[in-house]
Amino acid sequence: FCLDQQSALHLQSKGITTFFHPTIGATSEVQNFAQRDFKKVVDTKPLIVLDLLSLGVDVFLMDNDIVVLKDVLEVLGQDKREFVVQYEFLILGTQYVNSGFYWAKSSERSIQMFSDLALVSASTRLDDQGALNTLLQRFYTNVFPNFILNPARFPNGFVFFDEQQPHLHHGQPVIIHNNHIVGFDSKIH
């Protein structure tokens, strides 16, 4: 499922089955963080995930600025946890997550969390990532223990490119999330 037509066309050109619905989707211009319609697009993600989980479908969500180095579904499919998400950063002892990469298994608990996520995201100024962090920190830490993926195997752009932690370059990451960089052209390395 793609939220923008450009990504859908690219994946389809590679022989990957995708779904794009123009009433939900956006142009590639609104994908830039903090653009006017950005929140509208990211508020759509929890609703789509909630619908899929409610239908009994496990969901693997990945932003299109992620470089895949290993078979992600094979690695995550071996994980027995109901919900895992990518590490974002640490502030004053609190870990924050990135809503652009996660695996959610269909269960009563994950359905409830994504229902709460859709509500908080739509009814506040928080985008889906801010809402997810708020929910996980306040209500779901004990529901989904140990839910953050190892940043050495699933590094975000800050950890991999800015901190340039040497163990990450030799630790065989599964993916590298090219976030913390704004704009399409600046993400190409």
N, C-alpha and C. Protein backbone atom coordinates (compact mmCIF):
# COMPACT_ATOMS: atom_id res chain seq x y z
N PHE A 1 0.85 -1.16 0.00
CA PHE A 1 0.00 0.00 0.00
C PHE A 1 0.90 1.23 0.00
N CYS A 2 0.68 2.14 -0.91
CA CYS A 2 1.47 3.37 -1.00
C CYS A 2 0.57 4.57 -0.77
N LEU A 3 1.10 5.56 -0.07
CA LEU A 3 0.36 6.79 0.16
C LEU A 3 0.65 7.85 -0.89
N ASP A 4 1.57 7.58 -1.80
CA ASP A 4 1.81 8.51 -2.89
C ASP A 4 1.97 7.75 -4.20
N GLN A 5 1.54 8.37 -5.28
CA GLN A 5 1.52 7.70 -6.58
C GLN A 5 2.92 7.42 -7.11
N GLN A 6 3.86 8.32 -6.86
CA GLN A 6 5.23 8.13 -7.36
C GLN A 6 5.83 6.84 -6.79
N SER A 7 5.65 6.59 -5.51
CA SER A 7 6.18 5.36 -4.91
C SER A 7 5.48 4.13 -5.47
N ALA A 8 4.17 4.22 -5.65
CA ALA A 8 3.42 3.09 -6.20
C ALA A 8 3.90 2.75 -7.61
N LEU A 9 4.09 3.74 -8.44
CA LEU A 9 4.56 3.50 -9.81
C LEU A 9 5.95 2.91 -9.83
N HIS A 10 6.82 3.40 -8.95
CA HIS A 10 8.19 2.87 -8.89
C HIS A 10 8.18 1.40 -8.48
N LEU A 11 7.44 1.06 -7.43
CA LEU A 11 7.39 -0.32 -6.97
C LEU A 11 6.76 -1.23 -8.03
N GLN A 12 5.72 -0.75 -8.67
CA GLN A 12 5.08 -1.54 -9.72
C GLN A 12 6.03 -1.78 -10.89
N SER A 13 6.89 -0.79 -11.20
CA SER A 13 7.85 -0.97 -12.29
C SER A 13 8.89 -2.03 -11.95
N LYS A 14 9.06 -2.32 -10.67
CA LYS A 14 9.98 -3.36 -10.20
C LYS A 14 9.29 -4.71 -10.03
N GLY A 15 8.00 -4.77 -10.42
CA GLY A 15 7.26 -6.02 -10.32
C GLY A 15 6.68 -6.30 -8.95
N ILE A 16 6.61 -5.27 -8.10
CA ILE A 16 6.09 -5.44 -6.75
C ILE A 16 4.62 -5.01 -6.75
N THR A 17 3.76 -5.89 -6.29
CA THR A 17 2.34 -5.59 -6.23
C THR A 17 2.09 -4.51 -5.19
N THR A 18 1.44 -3.42 -5.59
CA THR A 18 1.14 -2.33 -4.67
C THR A 18 -0.29 -1.87 -4.88
N PHE A 19 -0.78 -1.14 -3.90
CA PHE A 19 -2.10 -0.55 -3.99
C PHE A 19 -1.97 0.93 -3.70
N PHE A 20 -2.56 1.75 -4.54
CA PHE A 20 -2.59 3.19 -4.34
C PHE A 20 -4.00 3.67 -4.62
N HIS A 21 -4.57 4.40 -3.69
CA HIS A 21 -5.90 4.97 -3.88
C HIS A 21 -5.77 6.49 -3.89
N PRO A 22 -6.13 7.13 -4.99
CA PRO A 22 -5.89 8.57 -5.12
C PRO A 22 -6.62 9.44 -4.10
N THR A 23 -7.71 8.98 -3.51
CA THR A 23 -8.39 9.82 -2.53
C THR A 23 -7.65 9.82 -1.19
N ILE A 24 -6.81 8.84 -0.96
CA ILE A 24 -6.02 8.78 0.27
C ILE A 24 -4.64 9.36 0.03
N GLY A 25 -4.10 9.09 -1.13
CA GLY A 25 -2.72 9.39 -1.43
C GLY A 25 -2.41 10.86 -1.60
N ALA A 26 -1.14 11.11 -1.81
CA ALA A 26 -0.64 12.46 -1.94
C ALA A 26 0.43 12.51 -3.01
N THR A 27 0.79 13.70 -3.37
CA THR A 27 1.90 13.86 -4.30
C THR A 27 3.19 13.74 -3.52
N SER A 28 4.29 13.58 -4.23
CA SER A 28 5.58 13.43 -3.54
C SER A 28 5.97 14.71 -2.81
N GLU A 29 5.43 15.86 -3.20
CA GLU A 29 5.80 17.12 -2.55
C GLU A 29 5.35 17.16 -1.09
N VAL A 30 4.21 16.56 -0.74
CA VAL A 30 3.74 16.65 0.64
C VAL A 30 4.41 15.63 1.54
N GLN A 31 5.30 14.83 1.00
CA GLN A 31 6.01 13.88 1.83
C GLN A 31 7.09 14.56 2.66
N ASN A 32 7.47 15.77 2.29
CA ASN A 32 8.51 16.48 3.02
C ASN A 32 8.01 16.85 4.41
N PHE A 33 8.79 16.49 5.40
CA PHE A 33 8.44 16.71 6.79
C PHE A 33 8.08 18.18 7.03
N ALA A 34 7.02 18.40 7.77
CA ALA A 34 6.54 19.71 8.19
C ALA A 34 5.90 20.52 7.07
N GLN A 35 5.66 19.92 5.93
CA GLN A 35 4.89 20.60 4.89
C GLN A 35 3.44 20.66 5.35
N ARG A 36 2.69 21.54 4.76
CA ARG A 36 1.32 21.82 5.18
C ARG A 36 0.44 20.56 5.23
N ASP A 37 0.52 19.72 4.21
CA ASP A 37 -0.33 18.53 4.15
C ASP A 37 0.33 17.29 4.73
N PHE A 38 1.53 17.43 5.28
CA PHE A 38 2.25 16.28 5.80
C PHE A 38 1.45 15.57 6.90
N LYS A 39 0.91 16.33 7.85
CA LYS A 39 0.16 15.72 8.95
C LYS A 39 -1.05 14.96 8.45
N LYS A 40 -1.71 15.48 7.43
CA LYS A 40 -2.88 14.78 6.86
C LYS A 40 -2.47 13.40 6.33
N VAL A 41 -1.33 13.35 5.68
CA VAL A 41 -0.86 12.08 5.12
C VAL A 41 -0.49 11.11 6.24
N VAL A 42 0.29 11.58 7.23
CA VAL A 42 0.72 10.67 8.29
C VAL A 42 -0.42 10.28 9.22
N ASP A 43 -1.46 11.11 9.31
CA ASP A 43 -2.63 10.72 10.10
C ASP A 43 -3.40 9.59 9.43
N THR A 44 -3.19 9.40 8.14
CA THR A 44 -3.86 8.33 7.40
C THR A 44 -3.25 6.97 7.72
N LYS A 45 -1.97 6.92 7.98
CA LYS A 45 -1.29 5.64 8.22
C LYS A 45 -1.92 4.82 9.34
N PRO A 46 -2.15 5.39 10.53
CA PRO A 46 -2.74 4.56 11.60
C PRO A 46 -4.13 4.02 11.24
N LEU A 47 -4.90 4.77 10.46
CA LEU A 47 -6.23 4.30 10.06
C LEU A 47 -6.13 3.08 9.15
N ILE A 48 -5.20 3.13 8.21
CA ILE A 48 -5.00 2.00 7.30
C ILE A 48 -4.51 0.78 8.07
N VAL A 49 -3.54 1.00 8.96
CA VAL A 49 -3.01 -0.11 9.77
C VAL A 49 -4.10 -0.68 10.66
N LEU A 50 -4.89 0.18 11.28
CA LEU A 50 -5.99 -0.29 12.12
C LEU A 50 -6.97 -1.15 11.33
N ASP A 51 -7.33 -0.72 10.14
CA ASP A 51 -8.23 -1.53 9.30
C ASP A 51 -7.64 -2.90 9.00
N LEU A 52 -6.36 -2.93 8.63
CA LEU A 52 -5.72 -4.21 8.30
C LEU A 52 -5.63 -5.12 9.52
N LEU A 53 -5.21 -4.58 10.67
CA LEU A 53 -5.13 -5.38 11.89
C LEU A 53 -6.51 -5.92 12.27
N SER A 54 -7.54 -5.10 12.11
CA SER A 54 -8.91 -5.52 12.44
C SER A 54 -9.39 -6.65 11.54
N LEU A 55 -8.82 -6.74 10.34
CA LEU A 55 -9.15 -7.82 9.41
C LEU A 55 -8.31 -9.08 9.64
N GLY A 56 -7.43 -9.03 10.66
CA GLY A 56 -6.60 -10.18 10.97
C GLY A 56 -5.29 -10.22 10.20
N VAL A 57 -4.91 -9.11 9.59
CA VAL A 57 -3.68 -9.05 8.79
C VAL A 57 -2.57 -8.45 9.63
N ASP A 58 -1.42 -9.13 9.71
CA ASP A 58 -0.23 -8.56 10.35
C ASP A 58 0.31 -7.47 9.42
N VAL A 59 0.87 -6.41 10.00
CA VAL A 59 1.30 -5.26 9.20
C VAL A 59 2.78 -4.99 9.39
N PHE A 60 3.47 -4.89 8.28
CA PHE A 60 4.85 -4.42 8.24
C PHE A 60 4.81 -3.09 7.52
N LEU A 61 5.16 -2.01 8.22
CA LEU A 61 5.15 -0.68 7.63
C LEU A 61 6.57 -0.17 7.51
N MET A 62 6.87 0.40 6.33
CA MET A 62 8.22 0.90 6.08
C MET A 62 8.12 2.16 5.22
N ASP A 63 8.71 3.25 5.69
CA ASP A 63 8.79 4.46 4.88
C ASP A 63 9.61 4.19 3.63
N ASN A 64 9.42 5.03 2.62
CA ASN A 64 10.14 4.79 1.36
C ASN A 64 11.55 5.36 1.34
N ASP A 65 12.03 5.88 2.46
CA ASP A 65 13.42 6.35 2.52
C ASP A 65 14.29 5.38 3.33
N ILE A 66 13.92 4.11 3.30
CA ILE A 66 14.67 3.07 4.00
C ILE A 66 15.38 2.19 2.99
N VAL A 67 16.66 1.95 3.26
CA VAL A 67 17.46 1.05 2.43
C VAL A 67 17.43 -0.32 3.09
N VAL A 68 16.99 -1.31 2.33
CA VAL A 68 16.87 -2.68 2.85
C VAL A 68 18.13 -3.45 2.47
N LEU A 69 18.80 -4.02 3.48
CA LEU A 69 20.05 -4.75 3.25
C LEU A 69 19.90 -6.25 3.41
N LYS A 70 18.87 -6.68 4.13
CA LYS A 70 18.59 -8.10 4.35
C LYS A 70 17.09 -8.32 4.25
N ASP A 71 16.67 -9.55 4.22
CA ASP A 71 15.25 -9.89 4.14
C ASP A 71 14.58 -9.51 5.45
N VAL A 72 13.94 -8.34 5.46
CA VAL A 72 13.32 -7.81 6.68
C VAL A 72 12.21 -8.71 7.18
N LEU A 73 11.39 -9.21 6.28
CA LEU A 73 10.27 -10.05 6.71
C LEU A 73 10.76 -11.36 7.33
N GLU A 74 11.87 -11.87 6.84
CA GLU A 74 12.43 -13.08 7.45
C GLU A 74 12.91 -12.79 8.87
N VAL A 75 13.61 -11.67 9.05
CA VAL A 75 14.12 -11.30 10.37
C VAL A 75 12.97 -11.00 11.33
N LEU A 76 12.00 -10.18 10.90
CA LEU A 76 10.90 -9.82 11.78
C LEU A 76 9.92 -10.97 11.96
N GLY A 77 9.79 -11.84 10.98
CA GLY A 77 8.90 -12.99 11.09
C GLY A 77 9.31 -13.96 12.17
N GLN A 78 10.60 -13.96 12.52
CA GLN A 78 11.10 -14.82 13.59
C GLN A 78 10.85 -14.22 14.96
N ASP A 79 10.50 -12.94 14.99
CA ASP A 79 10.28 -12.23 16.24
C ASP A 79 8.90 -12.61 16.78
N LYS A 80 8.84 -12.99 18.02
CA LYS A 80 7.58 -13.43 18.63
C LYS A 80 6.79 -12.28 19.26
N ARG A 81 7.36 -11.08 19.31
CA ARG A 81 6.68 -9.95 19.92
C ARG A 81 5.52 -9.48 19.04
N GLU A 82 4.48 -8.95 19.68
CA GLU A 82 3.30 -8.47 18.94
C GLU A 82 3.57 -7.17 18.20
N PHE A 83 4.44 -6.35 18.74
CA PHE A 83 4.71 -5.04 18.15
C PHE A 83 6.17 -4.68 18.38
N VAL A 84 6.85 -4.32 17.31
CA VAL A 84 8.22 -3.81 17.41
C VAL A 84 8.33 -2.60 16.50
N VAL A 85 9.17 -1.65 16.91
CA VAL A 85 9.28 -0.38 16.18
C VAL A 85 10.73 0.10 16.23
N GLN A 86 11.09 0.93 15.27
CA GLN A 86 12.46 1.42 15.16
C GLN A 86 12.76 2.48 16.22
N TYR A 87 13.96 2.40 16.77
CA TYR A 87 14.48 3.38 17.71
C TYR A 87 14.69 4.71 16.99
N GLU A 88 14.38 5.82 17.64
CA GLU A 88 14.60 7.14 17.07
C GLU A 88 15.73 7.88 17.79
N PHE A 89 15.56 8.15 19.09
CA PHE A 89 16.60 8.81 19.87
C PHE A 89 16.31 8.68 21.35
N LEU A 90 17.26 9.13 22.17
CA LEU A 90 17.15 9.06 23.62
C LEU A 90 17.27 10.48 24.17
N ILE A 91 16.29 10.90 24.97
CA ILE A 91 16.33 12.22 25.62
C ILE A 91 16.03 12.03 27.10
N LEU A 92 16.98 12.47 27.92
CA LEU A 92 16.82 12.41 29.37
C LEU A 92 16.34 11.04 29.86
N GLY A 93 16.93 10.00 29.31
CA GLY A 93 16.62 8.65 29.73
C GLY A 93 15.37 8.04 29.11
N THR A 94 14.67 8.79 28.29
CA THR A 94 13.46 8.27 27.64
C THR A 94 13.76 7.95 26.18
N GLN A 95 13.45 6.73 25.78
CA GLN A 95 13.65 6.32 24.39
C GLN A 95 12.43 6.70 23.56
N TYR A 96 12.69 7.28 22.40
CA TYR A 96 11.63 7.62 21.46
C TYR A 96 11.74 6.72 20.25
N VAL A 97 10.60 6.48 19.58
CA VAL A 97 10.57 5.57 18.45
C VAL A 97 10.23 6.31 17.17
N ASN A 98 10.49 5.65 16.04
CA ASN A 98 10.20 6.19 14.72
C ASN A 98 9.03 5.42 14.12
N SER A 99 7.98 6.13 13.77
CA SER A 99 6.77 5.48 13.25
C SER A 99 6.89 5.12 11.77
N GLY A 100 8.06 5.28 11.20
CA GLY A 100 8.26 4.94 9.80
C GLY A 100 8.73 3.53 9.55
N PHE A 101 8.87 2.73 10.63
CA PHE A 101 9.31 1.34 10.47
C PHE A 101 8.83 0.54 11.67
N TYR A 102 7.84 -0.31 11.42
CA TYR A 102 7.38 -1.18 12.50
C TYR A 102 6.70 -2.43 11.95
N TRP A 103 6.54 -3.40 12.86
CA TRP A 103 5.87 -4.67 12.59
C TRP A 103 4.81 -4.82 13.67
N ALA A 104 3.56 -4.97 13.27
CA ALA A 104 2.46 -5.14 14.23
C ALA A 104 1.69 -6.40 13.87
N LYS A 105 1.60 -7.32 14.82
CA LYS A 105 0.81 -8.52 14.60
C LYS A 105 -0.64 -8.23 15.01
N SER A 106 -1.56 -8.79 14.27
CA SER A 106 -2.98 -8.58 14.57
C SER A 106 -3.32 -9.26 15.89
N SER A 107 -3.72 -8.46 16.86
CA SER A 107 -4.13 -8.97 18.18
C SER A 107 -5.05 -7.92 18.80
N GLU A 108 -5.76 -8.31 19.83
CA GLU A 108 -6.64 -7.35 20.50
C GLU A 108 -5.85 -6.15 21.00
N ARG A 109 -4.66 -6.40 21.54
CA ARG A 109 -3.85 -5.30 22.09
C ARG A 109 -3.33 -4.37 21.00
N SER A 110 -2.86 -4.93 19.89
CA SER A 110 -2.35 -4.05 18.82
C SER A 110 -3.50 -3.27 18.17
N ILE A 111 -4.65 -3.91 18.02
CA ILE A 111 -5.82 -3.21 17.46
C ILE A 111 -6.23 -2.06 18.38
N GLN A 112 -6.24 -2.29 19.69
CA GLN A 112 -6.58 -1.21 20.63
C GLN A 112 -5.57 -0.07 20.54
N MET A 113 -4.28 -0.40 20.48
CA MET A 113 -3.28 0.65 20.42
C MET A 113 -3.42 1.47 19.14
N PHE A 114 -3.64 0.83 17.99
CA PHE A 114 -3.77 1.59 16.76
C PHE A 114 -5.08 2.36 16.70
N SER A 115 -6.09 1.88 17.38
CA SER A 115 -7.33 2.65 17.51
C SER A 115 -7.06 3.93 18.31
N ASP A 116 -6.35 3.77 19.42
CA ASP A 116 -5.95 4.93 20.23
C ASP A 116 -5.04 5.86 19.44
N LEU A 117 -4.11 5.29 18.69
CA LEU A 117 -3.17 6.08 17.89
C LEU A 117 -3.91 6.92 16.85
N ALA A 118 -4.85 6.32 16.14
CA ALA A 118 -5.62 7.06 15.13
C ALA A 118 -6.39 8.21 15.78
N LEU A 119 -6.96 7.96 16.95
CA LEU A 119 -7.73 8.98 17.65
C LEU A 119 -6.84 10.13 18.13
N VAL A 120 -5.72 9.80 18.79
CA VAL A 120 -4.83 10.84 19.31
C VAL A 120 -4.22 11.64 18.15
N SER A 121 -3.79 10.97 17.11
CA SER A 121 -3.18 11.65 15.97
C SER A 121 -4.16 12.60 15.29
N ALA A 122 -5.40 12.16 15.12
CA ALA A 122 -6.41 12.97 14.42
C ALA A 122 -6.95 14.11 15.28
N SER A 123 -6.93 13.94 16.60
CA SER A 123 -7.59 14.93 17.46
C SER A 123 -6.62 15.87 18.17
N THR A 124 -5.33 15.76 17.89
CA THR A 124 -4.34 16.64 18.50
C THR A 124 -3.42 17.19 17.42
N ARG A 125 -2.49 18.00 17.83
CA ARG A 125 -1.49 18.52 16.89
C ARG A 125 -0.34 17.53 16.67
N LEU A 126 -0.35 16.44 17.42
CA LEU A 126 0.70 15.44 17.28
C LEU A 126 0.54 14.71 15.95
N ASP A 127 1.66 14.47 15.27
CA ASP A 127 1.60 13.60 14.10
C ASP A 127 1.61 12.15 14.59
N ASP A 128 1.60 11.19 13.68
CA ASP A 128 1.51 9.79 14.10
C ASP A 128 2.70 9.39 14.97
N GLN A 129 3.88 9.92 14.70
CA GLN A 129 5.05 9.56 15.50
C GLN A 129 4.96 10.14 16.91
N GLY A 130 4.57 11.39 17.03
CA GLY A 130 4.40 11.99 18.36
C GLY A 130 3.32 11.28 19.15
N ALA A 131 2.22 10.95 18.48
CA ALA A 131 1.13 10.24 19.15
C ALA A 131 1.56 8.84 19.58
N LEU A 132 2.30 8.14 18.71
CA LEU A 132 2.78 6.79 19.05
C LEU A 132 3.70 6.85 20.26
N ASN A 133 4.63 7.80 20.28
CA ASN A 133 5.53 7.93 21.43
C ASN A 133 4.77 8.24 22.70
N THR A 134 3.79 9.12 22.63
CA THR A 134 2.99 9.45 23.80
C THR A 134 2.26 8.22 24.33
N LEU A 135 1.63 7.47 23.44
CA LEU A 135 0.89 6.28 23.86
C LEU A 135 1.82 5.21 24.44
N LEU A 136 2.93 4.96 23.77
CA LEU A 136 3.85 3.92 24.25
C LEU A 136 4.42 4.29 25.61
N GLN A 137 4.78 5.55 25.81
CA GLN A 137 5.38 5.97 27.08
C GLN A 137 4.37 6.00 28.22
N ARG A 138 3.14 6.41 27.93
CA ARG A 138 2.15 6.59 29.00
C ARG A 138 1.29 5.36 29.28
N PHE A 139 0.98 4.58 28.22
CA PHE A 139 -0.02 3.54 28.40
C PHE A 139 0.41 2.14 27.97
N TYR A 140 1.34 2.02 27.05
CA TYR A 140 1.60 0.72 26.44
C TYR A 140 2.98 0.13 26.72
N THR A 141 3.77 0.75 27.57
CA THR A 141 5.10 0.21 27.86
C THR A 141 5.02 -1.19 28.43
N ASN A 142 4.11 -1.42 29.35
CA ASN A 142 3.97 -2.75 29.96
C ASN A 142 3.16 -3.71 29.09
N VAL A 143 2.37 -3.19 28.17
CA VAL A 143 1.58 -4.03 27.27
C VAL A 143 2.48 -4.67 26.23
N PHE A 144 3.41 -3.88 25.71
CA PHE A 144 4.37 -4.36 24.70
C PHE A 144 5.79 -4.20 25.25
N PRO A 145 6.22 -5.08 26.18
CA PRO A 145 7.56 -4.93 26.73
C PRO A 145 8.63 -5.17 25.66
N ASN A 146 9.72 -4.44 25.79
CA ASN A 146 10.87 -4.62 24.91
C ASN A 146 10.47 -4.45 23.44
N PHE A 147 9.76 -3.37 23.14
CA PHE A 147 9.20 -3.17 21.80
C PHE A 147 10.12 -2.44 20.83
N ILE A 148 11.25 -1.92 21.31
CA ILE A 148 12.13 -1.15 20.42
C ILE A 148 13.17 -2.08 19.79
N LEU A 149 13.25 -1.99 18.46
CA LEU A 149 14.23 -2.79 17.72
C LEU A 149 15.65 -2.31 18.01
N ASN A 150 16.59 -3.22 17.97
CA ASN A 150 17.99 -2.93 18.22
C ASN A 150 18.51 -1.93 17.18
N PRO A 151 18.97 -0.74 17.61
CA PRO A 151 19.44 0.26 16.65
C PRO A 151 20.71 -0.15 15.90
N ALA A 152 21.43 -1.13 16.37
CA ALA A 152 22.58 -1.62 15.63
C ALA A 152 22.15 -2.41 14.39
N ARG A 153 21.01 -3.07 14.47
CA ARG A 153 20.49 -3.84 13.33
C ARG A 153 19.49 -3.06 12.50
N PHE A 154 18.83 -2.07 13.13
CA PHE A 154 17.80 -1.27 12.46
C PHE A 154 18.07 0.22 12.70
N PRO A 155 19.24 0.73 12.27
CA PRO A 155 19.59 2.12 12.57
C PRO A 155 18.78 3.13 11.78
N ASN A 156 18.51 4.26 12.43
CA ASN A 156 17.91 5.38 11.72
C ASN A 156 19.04 6.22 11.12
N GLY A 157 18.67 7.27 10.39
CA GLY A 157 19.67 8.09 9.72
C GLY A 157 20.62 8.79 10.67
N PHE A 158 20.11 9.26 11.80
CA PHE A 158 20.97 9.94 12.76
C PHE A 158 22.02 8.99 13.32
N VAL A 159 21.59 7.81 13.75
CA VAL A 159 22.50 6.83 14.33
C VAL A 159 23.54 6.40 13.29
N PHE A 160 23.11 6.12 12.08
CA PHE A 160 24.02 5.57 11.07
C PHE A 160 24.90 6.64 10.43
N PHE A 161 24.31 7.75 10.00
CA PHE A 161 25.07 8.75 9.26
C PHE A 161 25.71 9.81 10.14
N ASP A 162 24.98 10.32 11.14
CA ASP A 162 25.51 11.42 11.95
C ASP A 162 26.42 10.95 13.07
N GLU A 163 25.97 9.95 13.84
CA GLU A 163 26.81 9.45 14.92
C GLU A 163 27.93 8.57 14.39
N GLN A 164 27.71 7.98 13.25
CA GLN A 164 28.69 7.10 12.58
C GLN A 164 29.35 6.15 13.58
N GLN A 165 28.51 5.43 14.28
CA GLN A 165 29.02 4.49 15.27
C GLN A 165 29.70 3.34 14.53
N PRO A 166 31.00 3.13 14.77
CA PRO A 166 31.74 2.12 14.02
C PRO A 166 31.15 0.71 14.10
N HIS A 167 30.59 0.34 15.25
CA HIS A 167 30.03 -1.01 15.38
C HIS A 167 28.85 -1.21 14.45
N LEU A 168 28.17 -0.13 14.07
CA LEU A 168 27.03 -0.27 13.16
C LEU A 168 27.47 -0.64 11.76
N HIS A 169 28.59 -0.10 11.32
CA HIS A 169 29.05 -0.36 9.97
C HIS A 169 29.57 -1.79 9.81
N HIS A 170 29.92 -2.42 10.92
CA HIS A 170 30.41 -3.79 10.86
C HIS A 170 29.40 -4.77 11.45
N GLY A 171 28.30 -4.24 12.00
CA GLY A 171 27.32 -5.08 12.67
C GLY A 171 26.23 -5.62 11.77
N GLN A 172 26.39 -5.46 10.46
CA GLN A 172 25.43 -6.01 9.51
C GLN A 172 24.00 -5.56 9.79
N PRO A 173 23.72 -4.27 9.59
CA PRO A 173 22.33 -3.83 9.78
C PRO A 173 21.39 -4.49 8.78
N VAL A 174 20.15 -4.63 9.18
CA VAL A 174 19.10 -5.19 8.33
C VAL A 174 18.58 -4.10 7.39
N ILE A 175 18.43 -2.90 7.94
CA ILE A 175 17.96 -1.74 7.17
C ILE A 175 18.75 -0.52 7.62
N ILE A 176 18.69 0.54 6.83
CA ILE A 176 19.17 1.85 7.25
C ILE A 176 18.07 2.83 6.86
N HIS A 177 17.54 3.53 7.84
CA HIS A 177 16.47 4.51 7.59
C HIS A 177 17.13 5.85 7.30
N ASN A 178 16.94 6.34 6.10
CA ASN A 178 17.59 7.57 5.66
C ASN A 178 16.74 8.78 6.08
N ASN A 179 16.39 8.83 7.36
CA ASN A 179 15.63 9.97 7.86
C ASN A 179 16.61 10.99 8.44
N HIS A 180 16.13 12.00 9.06
CA HIS A 180 16.93 13.12 9.57
C HIS A 180 17.51 13.95 8.42
N ILE A 181 17.10 13.67 7.21
CA ILE A 181 17.49 14.44 6.04
C ILE A 181 16.19 14.80 5.33
N VAL A 182 16.00 16.07 5.02
CA VAL A 182 14.76 16.52 4.39
C VAL A 182 14.97 16.71 2.90
N GLY A 183 14.02 16.23 2.12
CA GLY A 183 14.05 16.44 0.67
C GLY A 183 14.53 15.21 -0.07
N PHE A 184 13.92 14.98 -1.22
CA PHE A 184 14.21 13.80 -2.03
C PHE A 184 15.67 13.76 -2.49
N ASP A 185 16.16 14.83 -3.10
CA ASP A 185 17.51 14.85 -3.66
C ASP A 185 18.59 14.67 -2.60
N SER A 186 18.38 15.22 -1.40
CA SER A 186 19.41 15.11 -0.36
C SER A 186 19.47 13.71 0.24
N LYS A 187 18.47 12.85 0.00
CA LYS A 187 18.46 11.50 0.55
C LYS A 187 19.23 10.51 -0.32
N ILE A 188 19.64 10.91 -1.50
CA ILE A 188 20.34 10.00 -2.41
C ILE A 188 21.83 10.03 -2.09
N HIS A 189 22.39 8.85 -1.77
CA HIS A 189 23.82 8.74 -1.43
C HIS A 189 24.49 7.82 -2.44
